[in-house]
PDB file of all heavy atoms in Angstrom:
ATOM      1  N   THR A   1     -10.505  17.705 -84.372  1.00  0.00           N
ATOM      2  CA  THR A   1     -11.445  16.650 -84.857  1.00  0.00           C
ATOM      3  C   THR A   1     -11.340  15.491 -83.904  1.00  0.00           C
ATOM      4  O   THR A   1     -10.255  15.056 -83.550  1.00  0.00           O
ATOM      5  CB  THR A   1     -11.102  16.194 -86.245  1.00  0.00           C
ATOM      6  OG1 THR A   1     -11.002  17.315 -87.197  1.00  0.00           O
ATOM      7  CG2 THR A   1     -12.119  15.192 -86.720  1.00  0.00           C
ATOM      8  N   LEU A   2     -12.479  15.042 -83.327  1.00  0.00           N
ATOM      9  CA  LEU A   2     -12.588  13.977 -82.326  1.00  0.00           C
ATOM     10  C   LEU A   2     -13.478  12.857 -82.869  1.00  0.00           C
ATOM     11  O   LEU A   2     -14.524  13.057 -83.244  1.00  0.00           O
ATOM     12  CB  LEU A   2     -13.167  14.532 -81.057  1.00  0.00           C
ATOM     13  CG  LEU A   2     -13.467  13.483 -79.958  1.00  0.00           C
ATOM     14  CD1 LEU A   2     -12.146  12.880 -79.438  1.00  0.00           C
ATOM     15  CD2 LEU A   2     -14.367  14.111 -78.866  1.00  0.00           C
ATOM     16  N   PHE A   3     -12.806  11.650 -82.877  1.00  0.00           N
ATOM     17  CA  PHE A   3     -13.586  10.455 -83.266  1.00  0.00           C
ATOM     18  C   PHE A   3     -13.995   9.637 -82.061  1.00  0.00           C
ATOM     19  O   PHE A   3     -13.119   9.422 -81.197  1.00  0.00           O
ATOM     20  CB  PHE A   3     -12.701   9.524 -84.206  1.00  0.00           C
ATOM     21  CG  PHE A   3     -12.231  10.107 -85.549  1.00  0.00           C
ATOM     22  CD1 PHE A   3     -11.193  11.074 -85.596  1.00  0.00           C
ATOM     23  CD2 PHE A   3     -12.823   9.668 -86.635  1.00  0.00           C
ATOM     24  CE1 PHE A   3     -10.853  11.513 -86.843  1.00  0.00           C
ATOM     25  CE2 PHE A   3     -12.386  10.106 -87.815  1.00  0.00           C
ATOM     26  CZ  PHE A   3     -11.433  11.137 -87.956  1.00  0.00           C
ATOM     27  N   ILE A   4     -15.257   9.224 -81.992  1.00  0.00           N
ATOM     28  CA  ILE A   4     -15.693   8.462 -80.832  1.00  0.00           C
ATOM     29  C   ILE A   4     -16.168   7.100 -81.314  1.00  0.00           C
ATOM     30  O   ILE A   4     -17.100   7.022 -82.103  1.00  0.00           O
ATOM     31  CB  ILE A   4     -16.848   9.175 -80.121  1.00  0.00           C
ATOM     32  CG1 ILE A   4     -16.436  10.498 -79.609  1.00  0.00           C
ATOM     33  CG2 ILE A   4     -17.373   8.312 -78.860  1.00  0.00           C
ATOM     34  CD1 ILE A   4     -17.477  11.380 -78.981  1.00  0.00           C
ATOM     35  N   GLY A   5     -15.422   6.122 -80.883  1.00  0.00           N
ATOM     36  CA  GLY A   5     -15.794   4.765 -81.305  1.00  0.00           C
ATOM     37  C   GLY A   5     -16.298   3.903 -80.139  1.00  0.00           C
ATOM     38  O   GLY A   5     -16.345   4.401 -79.006  1.00  0.00           O
ATOM     39  N   THR A   6     -16.705   2.706 -80.432  1.00  0.00           N
ATOM     40  CA  THR A   6     -17.242   1.756 -79.455  1.00  0.00           C
ATOM     41  C   THR A   6     -16.234   1.241 -78.411  1.00  0.00           C
ATOM     42  O   THR A   6     -16.518   0.800 -77.368  1.00  0.00           O
ATOM     43  CB  THR A   6     -17.931   0.557 -80.145  1.00  0.00           C
ATOM     44  OG1 THR A   6     -16.977  -0.051 -81.053  1.00  0.00           O
ATOM     45  CG2 THR A   6     -19.219   1.015 -80.888  1.00  0.00           C
ATOM     46  N   LYS A   7     -14.931   1.380 -78.766  1.00  0.00           N
ATOM     47  CA  LYS A   7     -13.856   0.913 -77.896  1.00  0.00           C
ATOM     48  C   LYS A   7     -12.870   1.954 -77.497  1.00  0.00           C
ATOM     49  O   LYS A   7     -11.976   1.743 -76.647  1.00  0.00           O
ATOM     50  CB  LYS A   7     -13.086  -0.170 -78.646  1.00  0.00           C
ATOM     51  CG  LYS A   7     -13.890  -1.478 -78.831  1.00  0.00           C
ATOM     52  CD  LYS A   7     -13.100  -2.496 -79.749  1.00  0.00           C
ATOM     53  CE  LYS A   7     -11.720  -2.811 -79.282  1.00  0.00           C
ATOM     54  NZ  LYS A   7     -11.072  -3.697 -80.193  1.00  0.00           N
ATOM     55  N   GLY A   8     -12.983   3.198 -78.086  1.00  0.00           N
ATOM     56  CA  GLY A   8     -12.057   4.201 -77.683  1.00  0.00           C
ATOM     57  C   GLY A   8     -12.250   5.523 -78.563  1.00  0.00           C
ATOM     58  O   GLY A   8     -13.215   5.621 -79.310  1.00  0.00           O
ATOM     59  N   LYS A   9     -11.283   6.454 -78.392  1.00  0.00           N
ATOM     60  CA  LYS A   9     -11.376   7.715 -79.137  1.00  0.00           C
ATOM     61  C   LYS A   9     -10.001   8.101 -79.617  1.00  0.00           C
ATOM     62  O   LYS A   9      -8.943   7.671 -79.115  1.00  0.00           O
ATOM     63  CB  LYS A   9     -11.887   8.781 -78.081  1.00  0.00           C
ATOM     64  CG  LYS A   9     -13.256   8.561 -77.513  1.00  0.00           C
ATOM     65  CD  LYS A   9     -13.567   9.517 -76.450  1.00  0.00           C
ATOM     66  CE  LYS A   9     -14.914   9.111 -75.704  1.00  0.00           C
ATOM     67  NZ  LYS A   9     -15.218  10.049 -74.568  1.00  0.00           N
ATOM     68  N   MET A  10     -10.074   8.896 -80.650  1.00  0.00           N
ATOM     69  CA  MET A  10      -8.811   9.505 -81.093  1.00  0.00           C
ATOM     70  C   MET A  10      -9.049  10.934 -81.627  1.00  0.00           C
ATOM     71  O   MET A  10     -10.305  11.319 -81.971  1.00  0.00           O
ATOM     72  CB  MET A  10      -8.137   8.680 -82.240  1.00  0.00           C
ATOM     73  CG  MET A  10      -9.006   8.510 -83.443  1.00  0.00           C
ATOM     74  SD  MET A  10      -8.219   7.457 -84.651  1.00  0.00           S
ATOM     75  CE  MET A  10      -9.376   7.397 -86.032  1.00  0.00           C
ATOM     76  N   MET A  11      -8.005  11.822 -81.686  1.00  0.00           N
ATOM     77  CA  MET A  11      -8.284  13.166 -82.066  1.00  0.00           C
ATOM     78  C   MET A  11      -7.084  13.701 -82.828  1.00  0.00           C
ATOM     79  O   MET A  11      -5.959  13.117 -82.788  1.00  0.00           O
ATOM     80  CB  MET A  11      -8.562  14.088 -80.841  1.00  0.00           C
ATOM     81  CG  MET A  11      -7.379  14.255 -79.918  1.00  0.00           C
ATOM     82  SD  MET A  11      -7.737  15.374 -78.561  1.00  0.00           S
ATOM     83  CE  MET A  11      -6.131  15.524 -77.770  1.00  0.00           C
ATOM     84  N   ALA A  12      -7.221  14.866 -83.459  1.00  0.00           N
ATOM     85  CA  ALA A  12      -6.170  15.501 -84.180  1.00  0.00           C
ATOM     86  C   ALA A  12      -6.454  16.993 -84.198  1.00  0.00           C
ATOM     87  O   ALA A  12      -7.646  17.454 -83.935  1.00  0.00           O
ATOM     88  CB  ALA A  12      -5.996  14.954 -85.552  1.00  0.00           C
ATOM     89  N   GLY A  13      -5.413  17.809 -84.562  1.00  0.00           N
ATOM     90  CA  GLY A  13      -5.626  19.307 -84.674  1.00  0.00           C
ATOM     91  C   GLY A  13      -5.983  19.624 -86.098  1.00  0.00           C
ATOM     92  O   GLY A  13      -6.295  18.769 -86.942  1.00  0.00           O
ATOM     93  N   THR A  14      -5.810  20.861 -86.421  1.00  0.00           N
ATOM     94  CA  THR A  14      -6.013  21.254 -87.797  1.00  0.00           C
ATOM     95  C   THR A  14      -5.143  20.583 -88.785  1.00  0.00           C
ATOM     96  O   THR A  14      -3.980  20.174 -88.437  1.00  0.00           O
ATOM     97  CB  THR A  14      -5.663  22.867 -87.933  1.00  0.00           C
ATOM     98  OG1 THR A  14      -6.350  23.505 -86.795  1.00  0.00           O
ATOM     99  CG2 THR A  14      -6.218  23.485 -89.204  1.00  0.00           C
ATOM    100  N   TYR A  15      -5.647  20.333 -90.028  1.00  0.00           N
ATOM    101  CA  TYR A  15      -4.875  19.634 -91.017  1.00  0.00           C
ATOM    102  C   TYR A  15      -4.539  18.195 -90.708  1.00  0.00           C
ATOM    103  O   TYR A  15      -3.605  17.630 -91.245  1.00  0.00           O
ATOM    104  CB  TYR A  15      -3.580  20.415 -91.362  1.00  0.00           C
ATOM    105  CG  TYR A  15      -3.713  21.869 -91.551  1.00  0.00           C
ATOM    106  CD1 TYR A  15      -3.054  22.769 -90.773  1.00  0.00           C
ATOM    107  CD2 TYR A  15      -4.556  22.422 -92.593  1.00  0.00           C
ATOM    108  CE1 TYR A  15      -3.167  24.161 -90.927  1.00  0.00           C
ATOM    109  CE2 TYR A  15      -4.670  23.745 -92.775  1.00  0.00           C
ATOM    110  CZ  TYR A  15      -3.987  24.627 -91.968  1.00  0.00           C
ATOM    111  OH  TYR A  15      -4.149  26.014 -92.087  1.00  0.00           O
ATOM    112  N   GLY A  16      -5.181  17.637 -89.615  1.00  0.00           N
ATOM    113  CA  GLY A  16      -4.849  16.261 -89.234  1.00  0.00           C
ATOM    114  C   GLY A  16      -3.603  16.190 -88.494  1.00  0.00           C
ATOM    115  O   GLY A  16      -3.089  15.046 -88.344  1.00  0.00           O
ATOM    116  N   LEU A  17      -3.111  17.300 -87.963  1.00  0.00           N
ATOM    117  CA  LEU A  17      -1.792  17.230 -87.328  1.00  0.00           C
ATOM    118  C   LEU A  17      -1.889  16.699 -85.902  1.00  0.00           C
ATOM    119  O   LEU A  17      -2.918  16.830 -85.253  1.00  0.00           O
ATOM    120  CB  LEU A  17      -1.249  18.687 -87.235  1.00  0.00           C
ATOM    121  CG  LEU A  17      -0.744  19.318 -88.570  1.00  0.00           C
ATOM    122  CD1 LEU A  17      -0.429  20.770 -88.450  1.00  0.00           C
ATOM    123  CD2 LEU A  17       0.462  18.590 -89.144  1.00  0.00           C
ATOM    124  N   ASN A  18      -0.821  16.159 -85.435  1.00  0.00           N
ATOM    125  CA  ASN A  18      -0.648  15.688 -84.064  1.00  0.00           C
ATOM    126  C   ASN A  18      -1.770  14.685 -83.688  1.00  0.00           C
ATOM    127  O   ASN A  18      -2.534  14.925 -82.760  1.00  0.00           O
ATOM    128  CB  ASN A  18      -0.653  16.824 -83.114  1.00  0.00           C
ATOM    129  CG  ASN A  18      -0.160  16.424 -81.753  1.00  0.00           C
ATOM    130  OD1 ASN A  18       0.504  15.386 -81.531  1.00  0.00           O
ATOM    131  ND2 ASN A  18      -0.499  17.289 -80.746  1.00  0.00           N
ATOM    132  N   PRO A  19      -2.014  13.663 -84.469  1.00  0.00           N
ATOM    133  CA  PRO A  19      -3.086  12.659 -84.118  1.00  0.00           C
ATOM    134  C   PRO A  19      -2.674  11.959 -82.812  1.00  0.00           C
ATOM    135  O   PRO A  19      -1.506  11.617 -82.615  1.00  0.00           O
ATOM    136  CB  PRO A  19      -3.025  11.736 -85.311  1.00  0.00           C
ATOM    137  CG  PRO A  19      -1.671  11.839 -85.864  1.00  0.00           C
ATOM    138  CD  PRO A  19      -1.264  13.224 -85.623  1.00  0.00           C
ATOM    139  N   ARG A  20      -3.668  11.730 -81.945  1.00  0.00           N
ATOM    140  CA  ARG A  20      -3.395  11.074 -80.697  1.00  0.00           C
ATOM    141  C   ARG A  20      -4.560  10.133 -80.348  1.00  0.00           C
ATOM    142  O   ARG A  20      -5.766  10.481 -80.532  1.00  0.00           O
ATOM    143  CB  ARG A  20      -3.273  12.054 -79.614  1.00  0.00           C
ATOM    144  CG  ARG A  20      -1.953  12.839 -79.562  1.00  0.00           C
ATOM    145  CD  ARG A  20      -1.968  14.022 -78.673  1.00  0.00           C
ATOM    146  NE  ARG A  20      -2.694  15.139 -79.274  1.00  0.00           N
ATOM    147  CZ  ARG A  20      -3.009  16.269 -78.755  1.00  0.00           C
ATOM    148  NH1 ARG A  20      -2.641  16.477 -77.480  1.00  0.00           N
ATOM    149  NH2 ARG A  20      -3.661  17.235 -79.344  1.00  0.00           N
ATOM    150  N   LEU A  21      -4.268   8.936 -79.789  1.00  0.00           N
ATOM    151  CA  LEU A  21      -5.201   8.110 -79.200  1.00  0.00           C
ATOM    152  C   LEU A  21      -5.575   8.619 -77.812  1.00  0.00           C
ATOM    153  O   LEU A  21      -4.661   9.297 -77.211  1.00  0.00           O
ATOM    154  CB  LEU A  21      -4.676   6.646 -79.155  1.00  0.00           C
ATOM    155  CG  LEU A  21      -4.480   5.976 -80.469  1.00  0.00           C
ATOM    156  CD1 LEU A  21      -3.587   4.717 -80.264  1.00  0.00           C
ATOM    157  CD2 LEU A  21      -5.821   5.539 -81.087  1.00  0.00           C
ATOM    158  N   LEU A  22      -6.688   8.338 -77.283  1.00  0.00           N
ATOM    159  CA  LEU A  22      -7.027   8.758 -75.947  1.00  0.00           C
ATOM    160  C   LEU A  22      -7.271   7.526 -75.052  1.00  0.00           C
ATOM    161  O   LEU A  22      -7.900   6.574 -75.408  1.00  0.00           O
ATOM    162  CB  LEU A  22      -8.305   9.634 -75.962  1.00  0.00           C
ATOM    163  CG  LEU A  22      -8.182  10.952 -76.715  1.00  0.00           C
ATOM    164  CD1 LEU A  22      -9.466  11.729 -76.662  1.00  0.00           C
ATOM    165  CD2 LEU A  22      -6.987  11.782 -76.239  1.00  0.00           C
ATOM    166  N   PRO A  23      -6.711   7.585 -73.808  1.00  0.00           N
ATOM    167  CA  PRO A  23      -5.859   8.677 -73.272  1.00  0.00           C
ATOM    168  C   PRO A  23      -4.575   8.759 -74.059  1.00  0.00           C
ATOM    169  O   PRO A  23      -4.094   7.771 -74.790  1.00  0.00           O
ATOM    170  CB  PRO A  23      -5.600   8.165 -71.927  1.00  0.00           C
ATOM    171  CG  PRO A  23      -5.790   6.684 -71.900  1.00  0.00           C
ATOM    172  CD  PRO A  23      -6.885   6.481 -72.877  1.00  0.00           C
ATOM    173  N   THR A  24      -3.895   9.932 -74.059  1.00  0.00           N
ATOM    174  CA  THR A  24      -2.819  10.214 -74.995  1.00  0.00           C
ATOM    175  C   THR A  24      -1.594   9.303 -74.716  1.00  0.00           C
ATOM    176  O   THR A  24      -0.758   9.144 -75.628  1.00  0.00           O
ATOM    177  CB  THR A  24      -2.398  11.674 -74.819  1.00  0.00           C
ATOM    178  OG1 THR A  24      -2.033  11.980 -73.552  1.00  0.00           O
ATOM    179  CG2 THR A  24      -3.500  12.582 -75.345  1.00  0.00           C
ATOM    180  N   SER A  25      -1.530   8.659 -73.638  1.00  0.00           N
ATOM    181  CA  SER A  25      -0.383   7.788 -73.260  1.00  0.00           C
ATOM    182  C   SER A  25      -0.383   6.569 -74.293  1.00  0.00           C
ATOM    183  O   SER A  25       0.661   6.048 -74.511  1.00  0.00           O
ATOM    184  CB  SER A  25      -0.513   7.247 -71.888  1.00  0.00           C
ATOM    185  OG  SER A  25      -1.763   6.558 -71.634  1.00  0.00           O
ATOM    186  N   LYS A  26      -1.544   6.244 -74.804  1.00  0.00           N
ATOM    187  CA  LYS A  26      -1.620   5.082 -75.738  1.00  0.00           C
ATOM    188  C   LYS A  26      -0.886   5.414 -77.066  1.00  0.00           C
ATOM    189  O   LYS A  26      -0.498   4.481 -77.781  1.00  0.00           O
ATOM    190  CB  LYS A  26      -3.104   4.828 -76.098  1.00  0.00           C
ATOM    191  CG  LYS A  26      -3.900   4.106 -74.981  1.00  0.00           C
ATOM    192  CD  LYS A  26      -5.299   3.758 -75.579  1.00  0.00           C
ATOM    193  CE  LYS A  26      -6.050   2.996 -74.486  1.00  0.00           C
ATOM    194  NZ  LYS A  26      -7.470   2.590 -75.002  1.00  0.00           N
ATOM    195  N   THR A  27      -0.764   6.689 -77.420  1.00  0.00           N
ATOM    196  CA  THR A  27      -0.154   7.035 -78.689  1.00  0.00           C
ATOM    197  C   THR A  27       1.160   6.499 -78.854  1.00  0.00           C
ATOM    198  O   THR A  27       1.584   6.006 -79.922  1.00  0.00           O
ATOM    199  CB  THR A  27      -0.236   8.556 -78.838  1.00  0.00           C
ATOM    200  OG1 THR A  27      -1.554   9.070 -78.653  1.00  0.00           O
ATOM    201  CG2 THR A  27       0.200   9.009 -80.266  1.00  0.00           C
ATOM    202  N   ALA A  28       1.969   6.666 -77.821  1.00  0.00           N
ATOM    203  CA  ALA A  28       3.344   6.124 -77.872  1.00  0.00           C
ATOM    204  C   ALA A  28       3.499   4.632 -77.580  1.00  0.00           C
ATOM    205  O   ALA A  28       4.423   4.055 -78.047  1.00  0.00           O
ATOM    206  CB  ALA A  28       4.261   6.879 -76.854  1.00  0.00           C
ATOM    207  N   GLU A  29       2.474   4.112 -76.868  1.00  0.00           N
ATOM    208  CA  GLU A  29       2.540   2.711 -76.466  1.00  0.00           C
ATOM    209  C   GLU A  29       2.171   1.761 -77.524  1.00  0.00           C
ATOM    210  O   GLU A  29       2.731   0.630 -77.635  1.00  0.00           O
ATOM    211  CB  GLU A  29       1.638   2.506 -75.249  1.00  0.00           C
ATOM    212  CG  GLU A  29       2.038   3.245 -73.971  1.00  0.00           C
ATOM    213  CD  GLU A  29       1.006   3.207 -72.955  1.00  0.00           C
ATOM    214  OE1 GLU A  29      -0.079   2.695 -73.138  1.00  0.00           O
ATOM    215  OE2 GLU A  29       1.299   3.767 -71.795  1.00  0.00           O
ATOM    216  N   ILE A  30       1.167   2.151 -78.339  1.00  0.00           N
ATOM    217  CA  ILE A  30       0.583   1.246 -79.354  1.00  0.00           C
ATOM    218  C   ILE A  30       1.228   1.453 -80.782  1.00  0.00           C
ATOM    219  O   ILE A  30       1.202   2.662 -81.235  1.00  0.00           O
ATOM    220  CB  ILE A  30      -0.909   1.364 -79.462  1.00  0.00           C
ATOM    221  CG1 ILE A  30      -1.553   0.980 -78.048  1.00  0.00           C
ATOM    222  CG2 ILE A  30      -1.530   0.486 -80.516  1.00  0.00           C
ATOM    223  CD1 ILE A  30      -3.092   1.220 -77.980  1.00  0.00           C
ATOM    224  N   LYS A  31       1.688   0.525 -81.368  1.00  0.00           N
ATOM    225  CA  LYS A  31       2.269   0.602 -82.709  1.00  0.00           C
ATOM    226  C   LYS A  31       1.410  -0.267 -83.706  1.00  0.00           C
ATOM    227  O   LYS A  31       1.093  -1.421 -83.354  1.00  0.00           O
ATOM    228  CB  LYS A  31       3.696   0.136 -82.721  1.00  0.00           C
ATOM    229  CG  LYS A  31       4.557   0.924 -81.766  1.00  0.00           C
ATOM    230  CD  LYS A  31       4.754   2.404 -82.179  1.00  0.00           C
ATOM    231  CE  LYS A  31       5.657   3.199 -81.223  1.00  0.00           C
ATOM    232  NZ  LYS A  31       5.706   4.589 -81.527  1.00  0.00           N
ATOM    233  N   VAL A  32       1.107   0.249 -84.832  1.00  0.00           N
ATOM    234  CA  VAL A  32       0.466  -0.529 -85.900  1.00  0.00           C
ATOM    235  C   VAL A  32       1.272  -0.456 -87.165  1.00  0.00           C
ATOM    236  O   VAL A  32       2.051   0.489 -87.362  1.00  0.00           O
ATOM    237  CB  VAL A  32      -0.935  -0.072 -86.167  1.00  0.00           C
ATOM    238  CG1 VAL A  32      -1.857  -0.231 -84.977  1.00  0.00           C
ATOM    239  CG2 VAL A  32      -1.003   1.338 -86.628  1.00  0.00           C
ATOM    240  N   LYS A  33       1.136  -1.434 -88.031  1.00  0.00           N
ATOM    241  CA  LYS A  33       1.870  -1.409 -89.242  1.00  0.00           C
ATOM    242  C   LYS A  33       1.476  -0.361 -90.222  1.00  0.00           C
ATOM    243  O   LYS A  33       0.337  -0.090 -90.368  1.00  0.00           O
ATOM    244  CB  LYS A  33       1.748  -2.850 -89.912  1.00  0.00           C
ATOM    245  CG  LYS A  33       2.537  -3.009 -91.148  1.00  0.00           C
ATOM    246  CD  LYS A  33       2.255  -4.366 -91.791  1.00  0.00           C
ATOM    247  CE  LYS A  33       3.096  -4.657 -93.044  1.00  0.00           C
ATOM    248  NZ  LYS A  33       2.911  -5.977 -93.649  1.00  0.00           N
ATOM    249  N   GLU A  34       2.451   0.257 -90.773  1.00  0.00           N
ATOM    250  CA  GLU A  34       2.172   1.308 -91.777  1.00  0.00           C
ATOM    251  C   GLU A  34       1.651   0.689 -93.032  1.00  0.00           C
ATOM    252  O   GLU A  34       2.301  -0.159 -93.646  1.00  0.00           O
ATOM    253  CB  GLU A  34       3.411   2.158 -92.031  1.00  0.00           C
ATOM    254  CG  GLU A  34       3.154   3.311 -92.998  1.00  0.00           C
ATOM    255  CD  GLU A  34       4.429   4.228 -93.201  1.00  0.00           C
ATOM    256  OE1 GLU A  34       5.017   4.628 -92.150  1.00  0.00           O
ATOM    257  OE2 GLU A  34       4.813   4.371 -94.370  1.00  0.00           O
ATOM    258  N   LYS A  35       0.380   1.089 -93.497  1.00  0.00           N
ATOM    259  CA  LYS A  35      -0.137   0.477 -94.661  1.00  0.00           C
ATOM    260  C   LYS A  35      -0.499   1.500 -95.765  1.00  0.00           C
ATOM    261  O   LYS A  35      -0.788   1.157 -96.865  1.00  0.00           O
ATOM    262  CB  LYS A  35      -1.406  -0.310 -94.313  1.00  0.00           C
ATOM    263  CG  LYS A  35      -2.493   0.482 -93.646  1.00  0.00           C
ATOM    264  CD  LYS A  35      -3.650  -0.368 -93.191  1.00  0.00           C
ATOM    265  CE  LYS A  35      -4.551  -0.812 -94.326  1.00  0.00           C
ATOM    266  NZ  LYS A  35      -5.825  -1.394 -93.938  1.00  0.00           N
TER     267      LYS A  35
END
C-alpha cells in the first residue's frame, strides 16, 4: 500500500507491516510521539 501526499510518501506491506517513509532513510531518522 502506497500513500502519495503533497509533501512526501509512505508505504507498507501486507497487513500494514513494515511501514516506511520514503526515502526509507527517513523512517529511522524521524520520530513522532505515539498517540
